[in-house]
């Protein structure tokens, strides 16, 4: 009987301990689960820049053309280019409807003649530096004129472009949208500055618009380096909107785009994108691009 009694007591103790141990293990598991840090959620990818709108481009030969971007595609190029090489002058009409997607800030351009006769009328690339500025190169083809067959061939140009500021919405906010907005002459005058490359940058403001820009800068790529400068006089001055500077220009295979902002009536700063292609006959090939910053003060 004593042996049976001891077994009954031992069984009773085990029955009491099992729930206690199980509860303790569950509690420890619960505390362990509470101590685990929740997994970090990855940030959603940033949306691509919006390049939609009308763009105005200026070639290194001071010729203008325009193009449109709709839903991330270049849809139209229009303008007349009068370009020259060391033998001939070429007049090429760039009236083309395209559907060229912009991928990774770059688009490949190609447009044929209306009759589809090779070579293509135009080939090239467009690179969007920011949502407001772009640059690129273009090779245009021209047939030889009668009596001057040697003029048939292709000529390469480089260009820089800015997206035109939309003024329609701003006009609707005024009491009388038809009334012209008087220019803000706060920044009128000459401005002198330097870039982070220790090169010169200067511009002129008149009646609230930029009338002239001078840029000097260096580009380097693949063992090729070049220092260039260009002074651009804008026949149609570029208006200053919301204290912002957005202009493009160039010359001689060199193009640039300038973005910036006026911090005060006498100081401004921004970024400068540079692009160069060696187009001179007999010269070694050279192509490069670069970006730097600049500051300028009113004289």
C-alpha atoms as a PDB file:
ATOM      1  CA  UNK A   1       0.000   0.000   0.000  1.00  0.00           C
ATOM      2  CA  UNK A   2       2.876   2.335   0.834  1.00  0.00           C
ATOM      3  CA  UNK A   3       4.336   1.738  -2.629  1.00  0.00           C
ATOM      4  CA  UNK A   4       1.004   2.478  -4.280  1.00  0.00           C
ATOM      5  CA  UNK A   5       0.582   5.593  -2.166  1.00  0.00           C
ATOM      6  CA  UNK A   6       3.977   6.927  -3.184  1.00  0.00           C
ATOM      7  CA  UNK A   7       3.172   6.307  -6.859  1.00  0.00           C
ATOM      8  CA  UNK A   8      -0.117   8.138  -6.545  1.00  0.00           C
ATOM      9  CA  UNK A   9       1.606  11.100  -4.880  1.00  0.00           C
ATOM     10  CA  UNK A  10       4.291  11.197  -7.603  1.00  0.00           C
ATOM     11  CA  UNK A  11       1.640  11.079 -10.322  1.00  0.00           C
ATOM     12  CA  UNK A  12      -0.228  13.912  -8.594  1.00  0.00           C
ATOM     13  CA  UNK A  13       2.910  16.100  -8.522  1.00  0.00           C
ATOM     14  CA  UNK A  14       3.634  15.452 -12.229  1.00  0.00           C
ATOM     15  CA  UNK A  15       0.057  16.358 -13.138  1.00  0.00           C
ATOM     16  CA  UNK A  16       0.456  19.633 -11.263  1.00  0.00           C
ATOM     17  CA  UNK A  17       3.878  20.512 -12.786  1.00  0.00           C
ATOM     18  CA  UNK A  18       3.061  19.869 -16.468  1.00  0.00           C
ATOM     19  CA  UNK A  19       0.624  22.817 -16.850  1.00  0.00           C
ATOM     20  CA  UNK A  20       2.992  25.072 -14.911  1.00  0.00           C
ATOM     21  CA  UNK A  21       5.974  24.211 -17.126  1.00  0.00           C
ATOM     22  CA  UNK A  22       3.891  24.463 -20.286  1.00  0.00           C
ATOM     23  CA  UNK A  23       2.556  27.855 -19.249  1.00  0.00           C
ATOM     24  CA  UNK A  24       6.055  29.058 -18.390  1.00  0.00           C
ATOM     25  CA  UNK A  25       7.379  27.959 -21.805  1.00  0.00           C
ATOM     26  CA  UNK A  26       4.459  29.660 -23.563  1.00  0.00           C
ATOM     27  CA  UNK A  27       5.063  32.837 -21.575  1.00  0.00           C
ATOM     28  CA  UNK A  28       8.764  32.802 -22.488  1.00  0.00           C
ATOM     29  CA  UNK A  29       7.889  32.214 -26.142  1.00  0.00           C
ATOM     30  CA  UNK A  30       5.426  35.104 -25.968  1.00  0.00           C
ATOM     31  CA  UNK A  31       8.052  37.405 -24.441  1.00  0.00           C
ATOM     32  CA  UNK A  32      10.575  36.276 -27.077  1.00  0.00           C
ATOM     33  CA  UNK A  33       8.073  36.989 -29.844  1.00  0.00           C
ATOM     34  CA  UNK A  34       7.381  40.426 -28.402  1.00  0.00           C
ATOM     35  CA  UNK A  35      11.105  41.207 -28.306  1.00  0.00           C
ATOM     36  CA  UNK A  36      11.527  40.579 -32.076  1.00  0.00           C
ATOM     37  CA  UNK A  37      11.795  43.779 -34.103  1.00  0.00           C
ATOM     38  CA  UNK A  38       9.352  44.002 -36.967  1.00  0.00           C
ATOM     39  CA  UNK A  39      10.911  43.762 -40.416  1.00  0.00           C
ATOM     40  CA  UNK A  40      11.573  47.162 -42.001  1.00  0.00           C
ATOM     41  CA  UNK A  41       9.433  47.953 -44.981  1.00  0.00           C
ATOM     42  CA  UNK A  42      11.427  48.928 -48.029  1.00  0.00           C
ATOM     43  CA  UNK A  43      10.737  52.442 -49.267  1.00  0.00           C
ATOM     44  CA  UNK A  44       8.668  52.579 -52.454  1.00  0.00           C
ATOM     45  CA  UNK A  45      10.741  53.401 -55.560  1.00  0.00           C
ATOM     46  CA  UNK A  46      10.856  57.062 -56.513  1.00  0.00           C
ATOM     47  CA  UNK A  47       8.732  57.914 -59.530  1.00  0.00           C
ATOM     48  CA  UNK A  48      10.704  58.831 -62.676  1.00  0.00           C
ATOM     49  CA  UNK A  49      11.087  62.549 -63.442  1.00  0.00           C
ATOM     50  CA  UNK A  50       8.312  64.120 -65.463  1.00  0.00           C
ATOM     51  CA  UNK A  51       9.727  65.535 -68.692  1.00  0.00           C
ATOM     52  CA  UNK A  52       6.363  66.228 -70.344  1.00  0.00           C
ATOM     53  CA  UNK A  53       6.005  69.606 -72.011  1.00  0.00           C
ATOM     54  CA  UNK A  54       7.450  71.785 -74.753  1.00  0.00           C
ATOM     55  CA  UNK A  55      11.239  72.035 -75.044  1.00  0.00           C
ATOM     56  CA  UNK A  56      13.333  74.670 -76.801  1.00  0.00           C
ATOM     57  CA  UNK A  57      16.754  73.548 -78.066  1.00  0.00           C
ATOM     58  CA  UNK A  58      19.742  75.612 -79.231  1.00  0.00           C
ATOM     59  CA  UNK A  59      22.520  74.049 -81.321  1.00  0.00           C
ATOM     60  CA  UNK A  60      26.216  74.861 -81.152  1.00  0.00           C
ATOM     61  CA  UNK A  61      25.668  76.847 -84.361  1.00  0.00           C
ATOM     62  CA  UNK A  62      23.082  79.060 -82.618  1.00  0.00           C
ATOM     63  CA  UNK A  63      20.169  77.424 -84.488  1.00  0.00           C
ATOM     64  CA  UNK A  64      16.894  76.675 -82.738  1.00  0.00           C
ATOM     65  CA  UNK A  65      14.468  73.770 -82.924  1.00  0.00           C
ATOM     66  CA  UNK A  66      11.669  72.549 -80.655  1.00  0.00           C
ATOM     67  CA  UNK A  67      10.431  69.187 -79.487  1.00  0.00           C
ATOM     68  CA  UNK A  68       7.541  67.911 -77.401  1.00  0.00           C
ATOM     69  CA  UNK A  69       7.454  65.257 -74.696  1.00  0.00           C
ATOM     70  CA  UNK A  70       4.152  63.548 -73.919  1.00  0.00           C
ATOM     71  CA  UNK A  71       3.721  60.710 -71.414  1.00  0.00           C
ATOM     72  CA  UNK A  72       7.456  60.096 -71.297  1.00  0.00           C
ATOM     73  CA  UNK A  73       7.911  60.009 -75.088  1.00  0.00           C
ATOM     74  CA  UNK A  74       9.386  62.489 -77.543  1.00  0.00           C
ATOM     75  CA  UNK A  75       6.496  62.962 -79.947  1.00  0.00           C
ATOM     76  CA  UNK A  76       7.493  65.774 -82.282  1.00  0.00           C
ATOM     77  CA  UNK A  77      10.551  67.674 -83.497  1.00  0.00           C
ATOM     78  CA  UNK A  78      10.150  70.855 -85.520  1.00  0.00           C
ATOM     79  CA  UNK A  79      12.452  73.541 -86.841  1.00  0.00           C
ATOM     80  CA  UNK A  80      14.839  74.426 -89.648  1.00  0.00           C
ATOM     81  CA  UNK A  81      18.583  73.964 -89.192  1.00  0.00           C
ATOM     82  CA  UNK A  82      21.055  75.897 -91.298  1.00  0.00           C
ATOM     83  CA  UNK A  83      24.338  74.131 -90.628  1.00  0.00           C
ATOM     84  CA  UNK A  84      27.736  74.482 -92.271  1.00  0.00           C
ATOM     85  CA  UNK A  85      30.891  72.457 -92.660  1.00  0.00           C
ATOM     86  CA  UNK A  86      34.161  73.465 -94.304  1.00  0.00           C
ATOM     87  CA  UNK A  87      32.696  73.019 -97.809  1.00  0.00           C
ATOM     88  CA  UNK A  88      28.964  73.657 -97.899  1.00  0.00           C
ATOM     89  CA  UNK A  89      25.883  75.024 -96.187  1.00  0.00           C
ATOM     90  CA  UNK A  90      22.926  72.778 -95.405  1.00  0.00           C
ATOM     91  CA  UNK A  91      19.327  73.711 -94.753  1.00  0.00           C
ATOM     92  CA  UNK A  92      17.455  70.836 -93.134  1.00  0.00           C
ATOM     93  CA  UNK A  93      13.810  70.887 -92.086  1.00  0.00           C
ATOM     94  CA  UNK A  94      13.144  68.862 -88.939  1.00  0.00           C
ATOM     95  CA  UNK A  95       9.400  68.396 -89.111  1.00  0.00           C
ATOM     96  CA  UNK A  96       8.952  64.911 -87.702  1.00  0.00           C
ATOM     97  CA  UNK A  97       6.302  63.075 -85.707  1.00  0.00           C
ATOM     98  CA  UNK A  98       7.931  60.535 -83.414  1.00  0.00           C
ATOM     99  CA  UNK A  99       7.098  58.142 -80.598  1.00  0.00           C
ATOM    100  CA  UNK A 100      10.475  57.759 -78.909  1.00  0.00           C
ATOM    101  CA  UNK A 101      10.387  56.580 -75.272  1.00  0.00           C
ATOM    102  CA  UNK A 102      12.697  58.108 -72.674  1.00  0.00           C
ATOM    103  CA  UNK A 103      14.412  55.350 -70.709  1.00  0.00           C
ATOM    104  CA  UNK A 104      17.017  55.967 -67.991  1.00  0.00           C
ATOM    105  CA  UNK A 105      17.027  59.682 -68.915  1.00  0.00           C
ATOM    106  CA  UNK A 106      17.992  58.915 -72.534  1.00  0.00           C
ATOM    107  CA  UNK A 107      16.182  58.687 -75.869  1.00  0.00           C
ATOM    108  CA  UNK A 108      17.488  57.542 -79.257  1.00  0.00           C
ATOM    109  CA  UNK A 109      16.384  59.738 -82.149  1.00  0.00           C
ATOM    110  CA  UNK A 110      15.972  58.671 -85.743  1.00  0.00           C
ATOM    111  CA  UNK A 111      13.784  60.103 -88.472  1.00  0.00           C
ATOM    112  CA  UNK A 112      13.708  59.318 -92.169  1.00  0.00           C
ATOM    113  CA  UNK A 113      12.879  61.378 -95.211  1.00  0.00           C
ATOM    114  CA  UNK A 114       9.196  61.507 -96.270  1.00  0.00           C
ATOM    115  CA  UNK A 115       9.986  59.147 -99.159  1.00  0.00           C
ATOM    116  CA  UNK A 116      11.907  56.795 -96.897  1.00  0.00           C
ATOM    117  CA  UNK A 117      15.106  57.153 -98.929  1.00  0.00           C
ATOM    118  CA  UNK A 118      18.260  56.254 -96.966  1.00  0.00           C
ATOM    119  CA  UNK A 119      20.251  57.535 -95.210  1.00  0.00           C
ATOM    120  CA  UNK A 120      17.958  58.741 -92.396  1.00  0.00           C
ATOM    121  CA  UNK A 121      17.385  62.462 -92.355  1.00  0.00           C
ATOM    122  CA  UNK A 122      18.384  62.627 -88.715  1.00  0.00           C
ATOM    123  CA  UNK A 123      19.927  60.385 -86.081  1.00  0.00           C
ATOM    124  CA  UNK A 124      21.033  61.246 -82.586  1.00  0.00           C
ATOM    125  CA  UNK A 125      20.525  61.012 -78.859  1.00  0.00           C
ATOM    126  CA  UNK A 126      18.839  63.102 -76.191  1.00  0.00           C
ATOM    127  CA  UNK A 127      19.909  63.005 -72.544  1.00  0.00           C
ATOM    128  CA  UNK A 128      17.756  64.640 -69.856  1.00  0.00           C
ATOM    129  CA  UNK A 129      20.064  66.045 -67.181  1.00  0.00           C
ATOM    130  CA  UNK A 130      17.161  67.259 -65.024  1.00  0.00           C
ATOM    131  CA  UNK A 131      13.417  67.769 -65.384  1.00  0.00           C
ATOM    132  CA  UNK A 132      14.219  71.214 -66.847  1.00  0.00           C
ATOM    133  CA  UNK A 133      17.376  70.740 -68.946  1.00  0.00           C
ATOM    134  CA  UNK A 134      18.591  68.318 -71.611  1.00  0.00           C
ATOM    135  CA  UNK A 135      21.373  67.979 -74.149  1.00  0.00           C
ATOM    136  CA  UNK A 136      22.260  65.795 -77.088  1.00  0.00           C
ATOM    137  CA  UNK A 137      23.841  65.380 -80.468  1.00  0.00           C
ATOM    138  CA  UNK A 138      22.353  65.051 -83.905  1.00  0.00           C
ATOM    139  CA  UNK A 139      23.624  64.020 -87.313  1.00  0.00           C
ATOM    140  CA  UNK A 140      21.614  65.459 -90.192  1.00  0.00           C
ATOM    141  CA  UNK A 141      21.847  64.342 -93.818  1.00  0.00           C
ATOM    142  CA  UNK A 142      21.543  66.567 -96.859  1.00  0.00           C
ATOM    143  CA  UNK A 143      21.507  65.699-100.579  1.00  0.00           C
ATOM    144  CA  UNK A 144      23.981  67.347-102.878  1.00  0.00           C
ATOM    145  CA  UNK A 145      22.675  70.395-104.696  1.00  0.00           C
ATOM    146  CA  UNK A 146      22.733  70.502-108.485  1.00  0.00           C
ATOM    147  CA  UNK A 147      26.236  71.192-109.699  1.00  0.00           C
ATOM    148  CA  UNK A 148      27.720  70.647-106.225  1.00  0.00           C
ATOM    149  CA  UNK A 149      27.533  66.900-105.610  1.00  0.00           C
ATOM    150  CA  UNK A 150      30.348  67.014-103.080  1.00  0.00           C
ATOM    151  CA  UNK A 151      27.969  68.790-100.702  1.00  0.00           C
ATOM    152  CA  UNK A 152      25.975  65.611-100.213  1.00  0.00           C
ATOM    153  CA  UNK A 153      26.728  64.123 -96.847  1.00  0.00           C
ATOM    154  CA  UNK A 154      26.113  64.499 -93.160  1.00  0.00           C
ATOM    155  CA  UNK A 155      26.888  67.148 -90.587  1.00  0.00           C
ATOM    156  CA  UNK A 156      26.987  66.640 -86.814  1.00  0.00           C
ATOM    157  CA  UNK A 157      25.619  69.221 -84.392  1.00  0.00           C
ATOM    158  CA  UNK A 158      25.309  69.281 -80.631  1.00  0.00           C
ATOM    159  CA  UNK A 159      22.510  70.981 -78.724  1.00  0.00           C
ATOM    160  CA  UNK A 160      21.212  71.875 -75.296  1.00  0.00           C
ATOM    161  CA  UNK A 161      17.559  72.436 -74.380  1.00  0.00           C
ATOM    162  CA  UNK A 162      15.333  73.795 -71.632  1.00  0.00           C
ATOM    163  CA  UNK A 163      11.730  72.975 -70.860  1.00  0.00           C
ATOM    164  CA  UNK A 164       9.536  75.989 -71.435  1.00  0.00           C
ATOM    165  CA  UNK A 165       7.835  77.296 -68.314  1.00  0.00           C
ATOM    166  CA  UNK A 166       4.067  76.862 -68.384  1.00  0.00           C
ATOM    167  CA  UNK A 167       2.436  80.264 -68.022  1.00  0.00           C
ATOM    168  CA  UNK A 168      -1.175  79.346 -68.855  1.00  0.00           C
ATOM    169  CA  UNK A 169      -2.032  78.267 -65.323  1.00  0.00           C
ATOM    170  CA  UNK A 170      -0.342  81.324 -63.832  1.00  0.00           C
ATOM    171  CA  UNK A 171      -2.288  83.552 -66.212  1.00  0.00           C
ATOM    172  CA  UNK A 172      -5.595  82.074 -65.054  1.00  0.00           C
ATOM    173  CA  UNK A 173      -4.796  83.007 -61.478  1.00  0.00           C
ATOM    174  CA  UNK A 174      -4.670  86.693 -62.332  1.00  0.00           C
ATOM    175  CA  UNK A 175      -7.763  88.872 -62.193  1.00  0.00           C
ATOM    176  CA  UNK A 176      -7.292  89.778 -65.844  1.00  0.00           C
ATOM    177  CA  UNK A 177      -5.464  86.919 -67.646  1.00  0.00           C
ATOM    178  CA  UNK A 178      -5.224  88.948 -70.860  1.00  0.00           C
ATOM    179  CA  UNK A 179      -3.246  91.710 -69.185  1.00  0.00           C
ATOM    180  CA  UNK A 180       0.523  91.227 -69.700  1.00  0.00           C
ATOM    181  CA  UNK A 181       2.588  90.696 -66.579  1.00  0.00           C
ATOM    182  CA  UNK A 182       5.034  93.565 -66.027  1.00  0.00           C
ATOM    183  CA  UNK A 183       8.650  92.356 -65.899  1.00  0.00           C
ATOM    184  CA  UNK A 184      10.318  92.064 -62.516  1.00  0.00           C
ATOM    185  CA  UNK A 185      13.439  94.208 -62.841  1.00  0.00           C
ATOM    186  CA  UNK A 186      14.839  93.205 -59.439  1.00  0.00           C
ATOM    187  CA  UNK A 187      17.771  91.346 -60.954  1.00  0.00           C
ATOM    188  CA  UNK A 188      18.502  93.613 -63.928  1.00  0.00           C
ATOM    189  CA  UNK A 189      22.197  94.202 -64.543  1.00  0.00           C
ATOM    190  CA  UNK A 190      25.406  92.288 -65.121  1.00  0.00           C
ATOM    191  CA  UNK A 191      26.362  89.203 -63.104  1.00  0.00           C
ATOM    192  CA  UNK A 192      29.843  87.705 -62.731  1.00  0.00           C
ATOM    193  CA  UNK A 193      30.586  84.283 -61.282  1.00  0.00           C
ATOM    194  CA  UNK A 194      32.844  81.250 -61.174  1.00  0.00           C
ATOM    195  CA  UNK A 195      32.278  77.511 -61.306  1.00  0.00           C
ATOM    196  CA  UNK A 196      33.642  74.806 -59.032  1.00  0.00           C
ATOM    197  CA  UNK A 197      36.125  74.155 -61.870  1.00  0.00           C
ATOM    198  CA  UNK A 198      37.398  77.720 -61.304  1.00  0.00           C
ATOM    199  CA  UNK A 199      36.113  78.719 -64.737  1.00  0.00           C
ATOM    200  CA  UNK A 200      34.121  81.843 -65.583  1.00  0.00           C
ATOM    201  CA  UNK A 201      30.337  82.142 -65.831  1.00  0.00           C
ATOM    202  CA  UNK A 202      28.585  85.465 -66.409  1.00  0.00           C
ATOM    203  CA  UNK A 203      25.224  86.701 -67.665  1.00  0.00           C
ATOM    204  CA  UNK A 204      23.194  89.824 -68.332  1.00  0.00           C
ATOM    205  CA  UNK A 205      19.629  90.484 -67.126  1.00  0.00           C
ATOM    206  CA  UNK A 206      17.394  93.123 -68.700  1.00  0.00           C
ATOM    207  CA  UNK A 207      13.686  93.684 -68.068  1.00  0.00           C
ATOM    208  CA  UNK A 208      13.493  90.545 -65.947  1.00  0.00           C
ATOM    209  CA  UNK A 209      14.957  88.253 -68.636  1.00  0.00           C
ATOM    210  CA  UNK A 210      18.391  86.827 -69.426  1.00  0.00           C
ATOM    211  CA  UNK A 211      19.751  88.348 -72.636  1.00  0.00           C
ATOM    212  CA  UNK A 212      23.306  86.969 -72.678  1.00  0.00           C
ATOM    213  CA  UNK A 213      25.223  84.088 -71.098  1.00  0.00           C
ATOM    214  CA  UNK A 214      28.948  83.298 -71.090  1.00  0.00           C
ATOM    215  CA  UNK A 215      30.155  79.881 -69.934  1.00  0.00           C
ATOM    216  CA  UNK A 216      33.584  78.282 -69.734  1.00  0.00           C
ATOM    217  CA  UNK A 217      34.102  74.679 -68.657  1.00  0.00           C
ATOM    218  CA  UNK A 218      36.041  71.432 -68.954  1.00  0.00           C
ATOM    219  CA  UNK A 219      34.775  68.016 -69.996  1.00  0.00           C
ATOM    220  CA  UNK A 220      36.605  64.691 -69.851  1.00  0.00           C
ATOM    221  CA  UNK A 221      35.668  61.181 -70.916  1.00  0.00           C
ATOM    222  CA  UNK A 222      37.590  58.070 -71.968  1.00  0.00           C
ATOM    223  CA  UNK A 223      40.997  59.739 -72.073  1.00  0.00           C
ATOM    224  CA  UNK A 224      39.671  62.768 -73.924  1.00  0.00           C
ATOM    225  CA  UNK A 225      39.524  66.171 -72.251  1.00  0.00           C
ATOM    226  CA  UNK A 226      38.663  69.591 -73.575  1.00  0.00           C
ATOM    227  CA  UNK A 227      38.221  73.115 -72.202  1.00  0.00           C
ATOM    228  CA  UNK A 228      35.661  75.189 -74.076  1.00  0.00           C
ATOM    229  CA  UNK A 229      33.774  78.440 -73.791  1.00  0.00           C
ATOM    230  CA  UNK A 230      30.722  79.921 -75.453  1.00  0.00           C
ATOM    231  CA  UNK A 231      28.909  83.236 -75.353  1.00  0.00           C
ATOM    232  CA  UNK A 232      25.239  83.128 -76.301  1.00  0.00           C
ATOM    233  CA  UNK A 233      23.104  86.176 -77.045  1.00  0.00           C
ATOM    234  CA  UNK A 234      19.424  85.281 -76.847  1.00  0.00           C
ATOM    235  CA  UNK A 235      17.460  86.980 -79.615  1.00  0.00           C
ATOM    236  CA  UNK A 236      14.399  86.064 -77.577  1.00  0.00           C
ATOM    237  CA  UNK A 237      15.423  86.811 -73.961  1.00  0.00           C
ATOM    238  CA  UNK A 238      14.739  84.017 -71.475  1.00  0.00           C
ATOM    239  CA  UNK A 239      12.363  85.275 -68.741  1.00  0.00           C
ATOM    240  CA  UNK A 240      13.155  84.690 -65.076  1.00  0.00           C
ATOM    241  CA  UNK A 241      10.214  82.867 -63.445  1.00  0.00           C
ATOM    242  CA  UNK A 242       9.912  82.276 -59.684  1.00  0.00           C
ATOM    243  CA  UNK A 243      13.505  83.552 -59.219  1.00  0.00           C
ATOM    244  CA  UNK A 244      14.743  80.628 -61.370  1.00  0.00           C
ATOM    245  CA  UNK A 245      17.391  80.572 -64.122  1.00  0.00           C
ATOM    246  CA  UNK A 246      16.975  77.923 -66.853  1.00  0.00           C
ATOM    247  CA  UNK A 247      18.915  78.561 -70.087  1.00  0.00           C
ATOM    248  CA  UNK A 248      20.859  76.596 -72.693  1.00  0.00           C
ATOM    249  CA  UNK A 249      23.364  77.512 -75.383  1.00  0.00           C
ATOM    250  CA  UNK A 250      26.734  76.681 -76.891  1.00  0.00           C
ATOM    251  CA  UNK A 251      28.987  76.919 -79.907  1.00  0.00           C
ATOM    252  CA  UNK A 252      31.637  75.027 -81.883  1.00  0.00           C
ATOM    253  CA  UNK A 253      30.715  71.504 -80.805  1.00  0.00           C
ATOM    254  CA  UNK A 254      30.209  72.683 -77.224  1.00  0.00           C
ATOM    255  CA  UNK A 255      26.811  72.982 -75.546  1.00  0.00           C
ATOM    256  CA  UNK A 256      25.698  73.752 -72.016  1.00  0.00           C
ATOM    257  CA  UNK A 257      22.609  74.069 -69.847  1.00  0.00           C
ATOM    258  CA  UNK A 258      22.404  76.261 -66.762  1.00  0.00           C
ATOM    259  CA  UNK A 259      19.990  75.912 -63.863  1.00  0.00           C
ATOM    260  CA  UNK A 260      20.008  78.184 -60.833  1.00  0.00           C
ATOM    261  CA  UNK A 261      18.192  80.407 -58.423  1.00  0.00           C
ATOM    262  CA  UNK A 262      18.532  83.936 -57.093  1.00  0.00           C
ATOM    263  CA  UNK A 263      19.039  83.800 -53.319  1.00  0.00           C
ATOM    264  CA  UNK A 264      18.990  87.591 -53.002  1.00  0.00           C
ATOM    265  CA  UNK A 265      19.059  90.681 -55.184  1.00  0.00           C
ATOM    266  CA  UNK A 266      22.842  90.394 -55.492  1.00  0.00           C
ATOM    267  CA  UNK A 267      23.615  86.640 -55.298  1.00  0.00           C
ATOM    268  CA  UNK A 268      22.709  83.508 -57.245  1.00  0.00           C
ATOM    269  CA  UNK A 269      23.945  79.927 -57.627  1.00  0.00           C
ATOM    270  CA  UNK A 270      23.131  76.693 -59.403  1.00  0.00           C
ATOM    271  CA  UNK A 271      24.378  73.811 -61.553  1.00  0.00           C
ATOM    272  CA  UNK A 272      26.021  73.721 -64.977  1.00  0.00           C
ATOM    273  CA  UNK A 273      25.922  70.760 -67.379  1.00  0.00           C
ATOM    274  CA  UNK A 274      28.526  70.614 -70.154  1.00  0.00           C
ATOM    275  CA  UNK A 275      28.707  68.562 -73.357  1.00  0.00           C
ATOM    276  CA  UNK A 276      31.320  68.518 -76.115  1.00  0.00           C
ATOM    277  CA  UNK A 277      31.791  66.641 -79.400  1.00  0.00           C
ATOM    278  CA  UNK A 278      34.787  67.199 -81.673  1.00  0.00           C
ATOM    279  CA  UNK A 279      33.320  67.875 -85.130  1.00  0.00           C
ATOM    280  CA  UNK A 280      36.278  69.501 -86.930  1.00  0.00           C
ATOM    281  CA  UNK A 281      37.624  67.623 -89.943  1.00  0.00           C
ATOM    282  CA  UNK A 282      40.997  65.976 -89.356  1.00  0.00           C
ATOM    283  CA  UNK A 283      40.845  66.461 -85.579  1.00  0.00           C
ATOM    284  CA  UNK A 284      41.081  63.419 -83.283  1.00  0.00           C
ATOM    285  CA  UNK A 285      37.704  62.169 -81.989  1.00  0.00           C
ATOM    286  CA  UNK A 286      36.724  63.607 -78.658  1.00  0.00           C
ATOM    287  CA  UNK A 287      33.413  63.447 -76.839  1.00  0.00           C
ATOM    288  CA  UNK A 288      32.668  64.138 -73.206  1.00  0.00           C
ATOM    289  CA  UNK A 289      30.221  65.585 -70.713  1.00  0.00           C
ATOM    290  CA  UNK A 290      30.404  66.950 -67.200  1.00  0.00           C
ATOM    291  CA  UNK A 291      28.538  68.694 -64.411  1.00  0.00           C
ATOM    292  CA  UNK A 292      29.663  71.361 -61.969  1.00  0.00           C
ATOM    293  CA  UNK A 293      28.226  74.080 -59.717  1.00  0.00           C
ATOM    294  CA  UNK A 294      28.468  77.850 -59.916  1.00  0.00           C
ATOM    295  CA  UNK A 295      27.930  81.033 -57.907  1.00  0.00           C
ATOM    296  CA  UNK A 296      27.531  84.578 -59.214  1.00  0.00           C
ATOM    297  CA  UNK A 297      27.183  88.079 -57.794  1.00  0.00           C
ATOM    298  CA  UNK A 298      25.655  91.190 -59.268  1.00  0.00           C
ATOM    299  CA  UNK A 299      28.189  93.784 -60.370  1.00  0.00           C
END
